[in-house]
């Protein structure tokens, strides 16, 4: 997982679920939070009223065939959780390969008409063998809406904004399907099979 930073504080997650804040001036740990399982999704940071908050989530990997994706919002100064969410997910086994459930993608923080929302792809929630696109309230961690996807979704969603600051989300899945979603309404505007597989995250420049 990629790290993030606020001033002289750096934040990183590891494959055992540890989230660690390090003072980058002294290279000494400041706080530690146990988020249970493998963290591959990059941490996301947001500053609210001068306080940094870190969003993170884990996979269902070491927990076994079923488990919980732990989504958290942590105070970046103290490591105390502002909220926590537990989403039941499953790990699929196909032959000798295992496909972990839970969070792989970097969550997308919404702005414009979606200020206060967060978007992410959740792999194999519940008994599903595919993924789910989720919109979450950043203040409370509660789910605003979900959209079923056709396959696993490992790449991160990205945002487009129009001239009225209206947010549209583009997401891709492991079958190569591209989805364009109205961020506020939660309605799918476009779905098309474009490539073989999305794993890298798309990049948006000038609404392209």
C-alpha atoms as a PDB file:
ATOM      1  CA  UNK A   1       0.000   0.000   0.000  1.00  0.00           C
ATOM      2  CA  UNK A   2       1.231   3.493  -0.762  1.00  0.00           C
ATOM      3  CA  UNK A   3       1.823   5.793   2.185  1.00  0.00           C
ATOM      4  CA  UNK A   4       0.429   9.258   2.781  1.00  0.00           C
ATOM      5  CA  UNK A   5       1.696  12.174   4.852  1.00  0.00           C
ATOM      6  CA  UNK A   6       0.611  15.252   6.780  1.00  0.00           C
ATOM      7  CA  UNK A   7       3.377  17.732   7.629  1.00  0.00           C
ATOM      8  CA  UNK A   8       5.989  15.657   9.503  1.00  0.00           C
ATOM      9  CA  UNK A   9       3.692  12.647  10.041  1.00  0.00           C
ATOM     10  CA  UNK A  10       3.781   9.713   7.624  1.00  0.00           C
ATOM     11  CA  UNK A  11       1.200   6.900   7.594  1.00  0.00           C
ATOM     12  CA  UNK A  12       1.599   3.372   6.241  1.00  0.00           C
ATOM     13  CA  UNK A  13      -0.301   0.056   6.331  1.00  0.00           C
ATOM     14  CA  UNK A  14       1.165  -3.442   5.999  1.00  0.00           C
ATOM     15  CA  UNK A  15       0.170  -7.025   5.142  1.00  0.00           C
ATOM     16  CA  UNK A  16      -0.654  -7.879   8.761  1.00  0.00           C
ATOM     17  CA  UNK A  17      -3.121  -5.016   9.126  1.00  0.00           C
ATOM     18  CA  UNK A  18      -0.851  -2.664  11.046  1.00  0.00           C
ATOM     19  CA  UNK A  19      -1.375   1.055  10.480  1.00  0.00           C
ATOM     20  CA  UNK A  20       1.574   3.037  11.774  1.00  0.00           C
ATOM     21  CA  UNK A  21       2.157   6.773  12.097  1.00  0.00           C
ATOM     22  CA  UNK A  22       5.832   7.759  11.937  1.00  0.00           C
ATOM     23  CA  UNK A  23       7.412  11.112  12.783  1.00  0.00           C
ATOM     24  CA  UNK A  24       9.329  11.775   9.561  1.00  0.00           C
ATOM     25  CA  UNK A  25      11.771  14.125  11.311  1.00  0.00           C
ATOM     26  CA  UNK A  26      12.894  11.547  13.871  1.00  0.00           C
ATOM     27  CA  UNK A  27      11.816   8.344  12.062  1.00  0.00           C
ATOM     28  CA  UNK A  28      10.214   7.117  15.298  1.00  0.00           C
ATOM     29  CA  UNK A  29       6.708   5.652  15.611  1.00  0.00           C
ATOM     30  CA  UNK A  30       4.001   7.937  17.028  1.00  0.00           C
ATOM     31  CA  UNK A  31       1.051   5.521  17.195  1.00  0.00           C
ATOM     32  CA  UNK A  32      -0.088   2.096  15.980  1.00  0.00           C
ATOM     33  CA  UNK A  33      -3.547   0.788  15.055  1.00  0.00           C
ATOM     34  CA  UNK A  34      -4.363  -2.889  14.465  1.00  0.00           C
ATOM     35  CA  UNK A  35      -6.710  -3.154  11.473  1.00  0.00           C
ATOM     36  CA  UNK A  36      -6.798  -6.974  11.585  1.00  0.00           C
ATOM     37  CA  UNK A  37      -5.817  -8.126   8.064  1.00  0.00           C
ATOM     38  CA  UNK A  38      -3.806  -7.476   4.900  1.00  0.00           C
ATOM     39  CA  UNK A  39      -3.788  -3.835   3.736  1.00  0.00           C
ATOM     40  CA  UNK A  40      -3.085  -3.452   0.007  1.00  0.00           C
ATOM     41  CA  UNK A  41      -5.313  -0.425  -0.594  1.00  0.00           C
ATOM     42  CA  UNK A  42      -3.408   2.843  -0.266  1.00  0.00           C
ATOM     43  CA  UNK A  43      -4.239   5.017   2.716  1.00  0.00           C
ATOM     44  CA  UNK A  44      -6.134   8.253   2.047  1.00  0.00           C
ATOM     45  CA  UNK A  45      -5.765  11.428   4.093  1.00  0.00           C
ATOM     46  CA  UNK A  46      -8.108  14.373   4.564  1.00  0.00           C
ATOM     47  CA  UNK A  47      -7.761  17.432   6.826  1.00  0.00           C
ATOM     48  CA  UNK A  48     -10.908  18.517   8.695  1.00  0.00           C
ATOM     49  CA  UNK A  49     -10.783  21.674  10.831  1.00  0.00           C
ATOM     50  CA  UNK A  50      -7.004  21.433  11.036  1.00  0.00           C
ATOM     51  CA  UNK A  51      -7.023  17.745  12.062  1.00  0.00           C
ATOM     52  CA  UNK A  52      -5.722  15.060   9.652  1.00  0.00           C
ATOM     53  CA  UNK A  53      -7.842  11.924   9.275  1.00  0.00           C
ATOM     54  CA  UNK A  54      -6.691   8.701   7.645  1.00  0.00           C
ATOM     55  CA  UNK A  55      -9.049   6.304   5.830  1.00  0.00           C
ATOM     56  CA  UNK A  56      -8.019   2.662   5.464  1.00  0.00           C
ATOM     57  CA  UNK A  57      -9.481  -0.777   4.810  1.00  0.00           C
ATOM     58  CA  UNK A  58      -8.293  -4.375   4.802  1.00  0.00           C
ATOM     59  CA  UNK A  59      -8.858  -7.566   2.831  1.00  0.00           C
ATOM     60  CA  UNK A  60     -10.163 -10.964   3.905  1.00  0.00           C
ATOM     61  CA  UNK A  61      -6.885 -12.842   3.610  1.00  0.00           C
ATOM     62  CA  UNK A  62      -5.443 -14.295   6.834  1.00  0.00           C
ATOM     63  CA  UNK A  63      -8.966 -14.545   8.299  1.00  0.00           C
ATOM     64  CA  UNK A  64      -9.769 -17.527   6.077  1.00  0.00           C
ATOM     65  CA  UNK A  65     -12.565 -18.209   3.554  1.00  0.00           C
ATOM     66  CA  UNK A  66     -14.875 -15.666   5.206  1.00  0.00           C
ATOM     67  CA  UNK A  67     -14.211 -12.630   7.332  1.00  0.00           C
ATOM     68  CA  UNK A  68     -14.633  -8.893   7.679  1.00  0.00           C
ATOM     69  CA  UNK A  69     -13.289  -5.957   5.738  1.00  0.00           C
ATOM     70  CA  UNK A  70     -12.524  -3.392   8.431  1.00  0.00           C
ATOM     71  CA  UNK A  71     -12.986   0.150   7.146  1.00  0.00           C
ATOM     72  CA  UNK A  72     -11.691   2.834   9.512  1.00  0.00           C
ATOM     73  CA  UNK A  73     -11.355   6.578   9.795  1.00  0.00           C
ATOM     74  CA  UNK A  74      -8.528   7.406  12.197  1.00  0.00           C
ATOM     75  CA  UNK A  75      -7.466  10.657  13.833  1.00  0.00           C
ATOM     76  CA  UNK A  76      -4.054  11.171  12.264  1.00  0.00           C
ATOM     77  CA  UNK A  77      -2.626  12.811  15.390  1.00  0.00           C
ATOM     78  CA  UNK A  78      -3.686  10.189  17.933  1.00  0.00           C
ATOM     79  CA  UNK A  79      -4.674   7.029  16.019  1.00  0.00           C
ATOM     80  CA  UNK A  80      -8.089   7.050  17.674  1.00  0.00           C
ATOM     81  CA  UNK A  81     -10.939   5.867  15.390  1.00  0.00           C
ATOM     82  CA  UNK A  82     -13.560   8.447  14.401  1.00  0.00           C
ATOM     83  CA  UNK A  83     -15.611   5.489  13.112  1.00  0.00           C
ATOM     84  CA  UNK A  84     -15.195   1.853  12.127  1.00  0.00           C
ATOM     85  CA  UNK A  85     -17.164  -0.351   9.713  1.00  0.00           C
ATOM     86  CA  UNK A  86     -17.192  -4.113   9.331  1.00  0.00           C
ATOM     87  CA  UNK A  87     -18.301  -5.517   5.961  1.00  0.00           C
ATOM     88  CA  UNK A  88     -18.601  -9.264   5.600  1.00  0.00           C
ATOM     89  CA  UNK A  89     -16.644 -10.556   2.591  1.00  0.00           C
ATOM     90  CA  UNK A  90     -15.403 -13.908   1.317  1.00  0.00           C
ATOM     91  CA  UNK A  91     -12.205 -15.285  -0.187  1.00  0.00           C
ATOM     92  CA  UNK A  92     -12.640 -17.346  -3.357  1.00  0.00           C
ATOM     93  CA  UNK A  93     -10.506 -20.355  -4.227  1.00  0.00           C
ATOM     94  CA  UNK A  94     -10.236 -21.370  -7.884  1.00  0.00           C
ATOM     95  CA  UNK A  95      -7.849 -24.296  -8.270  1.00  0.00           C
ATOM     96  CA  UNK A  96      -4.691 -23.362  -6.388  1.00  0.00           C
ATOM     97  CA  UNK A  97      -5.379 -19.632  -6.626  1.00  0.00           C
ATOM     98  CA  UNK A  98      -7.024 -17.564  -3.914  1.00  0.00           C
ATOM     99  CA  UNK A  99      -8.813 -14.286  -4.546  1.00  0.00           C
ATOM    100  CA  UNK A 100      -9.154 -12.257  -1.371  1.00  0.00           C
ATOM    101  CA  UNK A 101     -12.293 -10.290  -0.630  1.00  0.00           C
ATOM    102  CA  UNK A 102     -12.416  -6.820   0.859  1.00  0.00           C
ATOM    103  CA  UNK A 103     -10.700  -3.601  -0.183  1.00  0.00           C
ATOM    104  CA  UNK A 104      -7.973  -3.469  -2.839  1.00  0.00           C
ATOM    105  CA  UNK A 105      -8.611  -0.034  -4.354  1.00  0.00           C
ATOM    106  CA  UNK A 106      -7.669   3.386  -3.056  1.00  0.00           C
ATOM    107  CA  UNK A 107     -10.897   5.066  -1.897  1.00  0.00           C
ATOM    108  CA  UNK A 108     -11.953   8.184  -3.796  1.00  0.00           C
ATOM    109  CA  UNK A 109     -12.903  11.274  -1.751  1.00  0.00           C
ATOM    110  CA  UNK A 110     -15.773  13.134  -3.396  1.00  0.00           C
ATOM    111  CA  UNK A 111     -15.936  16.907  -3.800  1.00  0.00           C
ATOM    112  CA  UNK A 112     -18.266  19.245  -5.667  1.00  0.00           C
ATOM    113  CA  UNK A 113     -21.856  17.989  -5.365  1.00  0.00           C
ATOM    114  CA  UNK A 114     -20.467  14.881  -3.615  1.00  0.00           C
ATOM    115  CA  UNK A 115     -18.608  16.666  -0.821  1.00  0.00           C
ATOM    116  CA  UNK A 116     -18.594  14.437   2.252  1.00  0.00           C
ATOM    117  CA  UNK A 117     -18.888  11.200   0.263  1.00  0.00           C
ATOM    118  CA  UNK A 118     -16.298   8.480  -0.339  1.00  0.00           C
ATOM    119  CA  UNK A 119     -16.362   5.921  -3.166  1.00  0.00           C
ATOM    120  CA  UNK A 120     -14.748   2.495  -3.340  1.00  0.00           C
ATOM    121  CA  UNK A 121     -14.944  -0.977  -4.883  1.00  0.00           C
ATOM    122  CA  UNK A 122     -15.568  -3.796  -2.384  1.00  0.00           C
ATOM    123  CA  UNK A 123     -14.547  -7.291  -3.540  1.00  0.00           C
ATOM    124  CA  UNK A 124     -16.774 -10.292  -2.856  1.00  0.00           C
ATOM    125  CA  UNK A 125     -19.064  -8.746  -0.220  1.00  0.00           C
ATOM    126  CA  UNK A 126     -21.398 -11.217   1.499  1.00  0.00           C
ATOM    127  CA  UNK A 127     -21.825 -14.299  -0.701  1.00  0.00           C
ATOM    128  CA  UNK A 128     -21.006 -12.459  -3.932  1.00  0.00           C
ATOM    129  CA  UNK A 129     -18.332 -13.740  -6.316  1.00  0.00           C
ATOM    130  CA  UNK A 130     -18.001 -10.297  -7.924  1.00  0.00           C
ATOM    131  CA  UNK A 131     -17.665  -6.766  -6.490  1.00  0.00           C
ATOM    132  CA  UNK A 132     -19.771  -3.869  -5.362  1.00  0.00           C
ATOM    133  CA  UNK A 133     -19.323  -0.157  -5.937  1.00  0.00           C
ATOM    134  CA  UNK A 134     -20.052   1.689  -2.692  1.00  0.00           C
ATOM    135  CA  UNK A 135     -20.718   5.305  -1.713  1.00  0.00           C
ATOM    136  CA  UNK A 136     -20.014   5.999   1.965  1.00  0.00           C
ATOM    137  CA  UNK A 137     -20.681   8.996   4.211  1.00  0.00           C
ATOM    138  CA  UNK A 138     -17.275  10.272   5.374  1.00  0.00           C
ATOM    139  CA  UNK A 139     -18.682  11.690   8.623  1.00  0.00           C
ATOM    140  CA  UNK A 140     -20.375   8.514   9.840  1.00  0.00           C
ATOM    141  CA  UNK A 141     -19.064   5.633   7.730  1.00  0.00           C
ATOM    142  CA  UNK A 142     -22.604   4.620   6.803  1.00  0.00           C
ATOM    143  CA  UNK A 143     -23.455   3.327   3.321  1.00  0.00           C
ATOM    144  CA  UNK A 144     -25.301   5.787   1.068  1.00  0.00           C
ATOM    145  CA  UNK A 145     -25.807   3.378  -1.841  1.00  0.00           C
ATOM    146  CA  UNK A 146     -24.278   0.348  -3.561  1.00  0.00           C
ATOM    147  CA  UNK A 147     -24.099  -0.755  -7.217  1.00  0.00           C
ATOM    148  CA  UNK A 148     -23.302  -4.382  -8.171  1.00  0.00           C
ATOM    149  CA  UNK A 149     -20.409  -4.832 -10.600  1.00  0.00           C
ATOM    150  CA  UNK A 150     -19.936  -7.733 -12.999  1.00  0.00           C
ATOM    151  CA  UNK A 151     -16.554  -8.966 -11.745  1.00  0.00           C
ATOM    152  CA  UNK A 152     -13.796  -8.372  -9.198  1.00  0.00           C
ATOM    153  CA  UNK A 153     -12.731  -4.736  -9.036  1.00  0.00           C
ATOM    154  CA  UNK A 154      -9.160  -4.141  -7.945  1.00  0.00           C
ATOM    155  CA  UNK A 155      -8.382  -0.785  -9.581  1.00  0.00           C
ATOM    156  CA  UNK A 156      -9.348   2.494  -7.950  1.00  0.00           C
ATOM    157  CA  UNK A 157     -12.302   4.646  -9.017  1.00  0.00           C
ATOM    158  CA  UNK A 158     -11.505   8.106 -10.391  1.00  0.00           C
ATOM    159  CA  UNK A 159     -13.542  11.296 -10.693  1.00  0.00           C
ATOM    160  CA  UNK A 160     -14.681  13.592 -13.488  1.00  0.00           C
ATOM    161  CA  UNK A 161     -16.246  16.990 -12.718  1.00  0.00           C
ATOM    162  CA  UNK A 162     -18.354  19.044 -15.127  1.00  0.00           C
ATOM    163  CA  UNK A 163     -18.650  22.838 -15.286  1.00  0.00           C
ATOM    164  CA  UNK A 164     -21.240  22.755 -12.461  1.00  0.00           C
ATOM    165  CA  UNK A 165     -18.908  20.785 -10.162  1.00  0.00           C
ATOM    166  CA  UNK A 166     -21.044  17.677 -10.595  1.00  0.00           C
ATOM    167  CA  UNK A 167     -19.049  14.503  -9.942  1.00  0.00           C
ATOM    168  CA  UNK A 168     -19.036  11.443 -12.189  1.00  0.00           C
ATOM    169  CA  UNK A 169     -17.094   8.316 -11.210  1.00  0.00           C
ATOM    170  CA  UNK A 170     -15.294   5.989 -13.605  1.00  0.00           C
ATOM    171  CA  UNK A 171     -14.566   2.473 -12.336  1.00  0.00           C
ATOM    172  CA  UNK A 172     -13.216  -0.678 -14.007  1.00  0.00           C
ATOM    173  CA  UNK A 173     -13.366  -4.378 -13.168  1.00  0.00           C
ATOM    174  CA  UNK A 174     -11.230  -7.469 -13.815  1.00  0.00           C
ATOM    175  CA  UNK A 175     -13.234  -8.462 -16.901  1.00  0.00           C
ATOM    176  CA  UNK A 176     -12.422  -5.124 -18.534  1.00  0.00           C
ATOM    177  CA  UNK A 177     -15.811  -3.486 -18.010  1.00  0.00           C
ATOM    178  CA  UNK A 178     -15.799   0.296 -17.624  1.00  0.00           C
ATOM    179  CA  UNK A 179     -18.554   1.969 -15.601  1.00  0.00           C
ATOM    180  CA  UNK A 180     -19.534   5.628 -15.540  1.00  0.00           C
ATOM    181  CA  UNK A 181     -21.618   6.483 -12.465  1.00  0.00           C
ATOM    182  CA  UNK A 182     -23.464   9.612 -11.355  1.00  0.00           C
ATOM    183  CA  UNK A 183     -21.771  10.099  -7.994  1.00  0.00           C
ATOM    184  CA  UNK A 184     -24.611  11.884  -6.235  1.00  0.00           C
ATOM    185  CA  UNK A 185     -27.558   9.856  -7.536  1.00  0.00           C
ATOM    186  CA  UNK A 186     -25.804   6.500  -7.659  1.00  0.00           C
ATOM    187  CA  UNK A 187     -27.107   5.711 -11.131  1.00  0.00           C
ATOM    188  CA  UNK A 188     -25.112   3.930 -13.803  1.00  0.00           C
ATOM    189  CA  UNK A 189     -24.798   6.040 -16.944  1.00  0.00           C
ATOM    190  CA  UNK A 190     -22.547   3.855 -19.077  1.00  0.00           C
ATOM    191  CA  UNK A 191     -21.128   0.322 -19.058  1.00  0.00           C
ATOM    192  CA  UNK A 192     -18.964  -1.135 -21.794  1.00  0.00           C
ATOM    193  CA  UNK A 193     -16.425  -3.914 -22.192  1.00  0.00           C
ATOM    194  CA  UNK A 194     -13.236  -2.048 -23.165  1.00  0.00           C
ATOM    195  CA  UNK A 195     -10.200  -4.227 -22.377  1.00  0.00           C
ATOM    196  CA  UNK A 196      -9.239  -7.595 -20.892  1.00  0.00           C
ATOM    197  CA  UNK A 197      -8.719  -6.484 -17.291  1.00  0.00           C
ATOM    198  CA  UNK A 198      -8.407  -3.324 -15.198  1.00  0.00           C
ATOM    199  CA  UNK A 199      -5.789  -3.590 -12.447  1.00  0.00           C
ATOM    200  CA  UNK A 200      -3.994  -0.250 -12.661  1.00  0.00           C
ATOM    201  CA  UNK A 201      -6.047   2.791 -11.774  1.00  0.00           C
ATOM    202  CA  UNK A 202      -7.126   5.124 -14.575  1.00  0.00           C
ATOM    203  CA  UNK A 203      -5.748   8.669 -14.738  1.00  0.00           C
ATOM    204  CA  UNK A 204      -7.958  11.686 -15.493  1.00  0.00           C
ATOM    205  CA  UNK A 205      -6.609  14.805 -17.196  1.00  0.00           C
ATOM    206  CA  UNK A 206      -8.817  17.604 -18.526  1.00  0.00           C
ATOM    207  CA  UNK A 207     -11.849  15.314 -18.318  1.00  0.00           C
ATOM    208  CA  UNK A 208     -10.237  12.648 -20.512  1.00  0.00           C
END
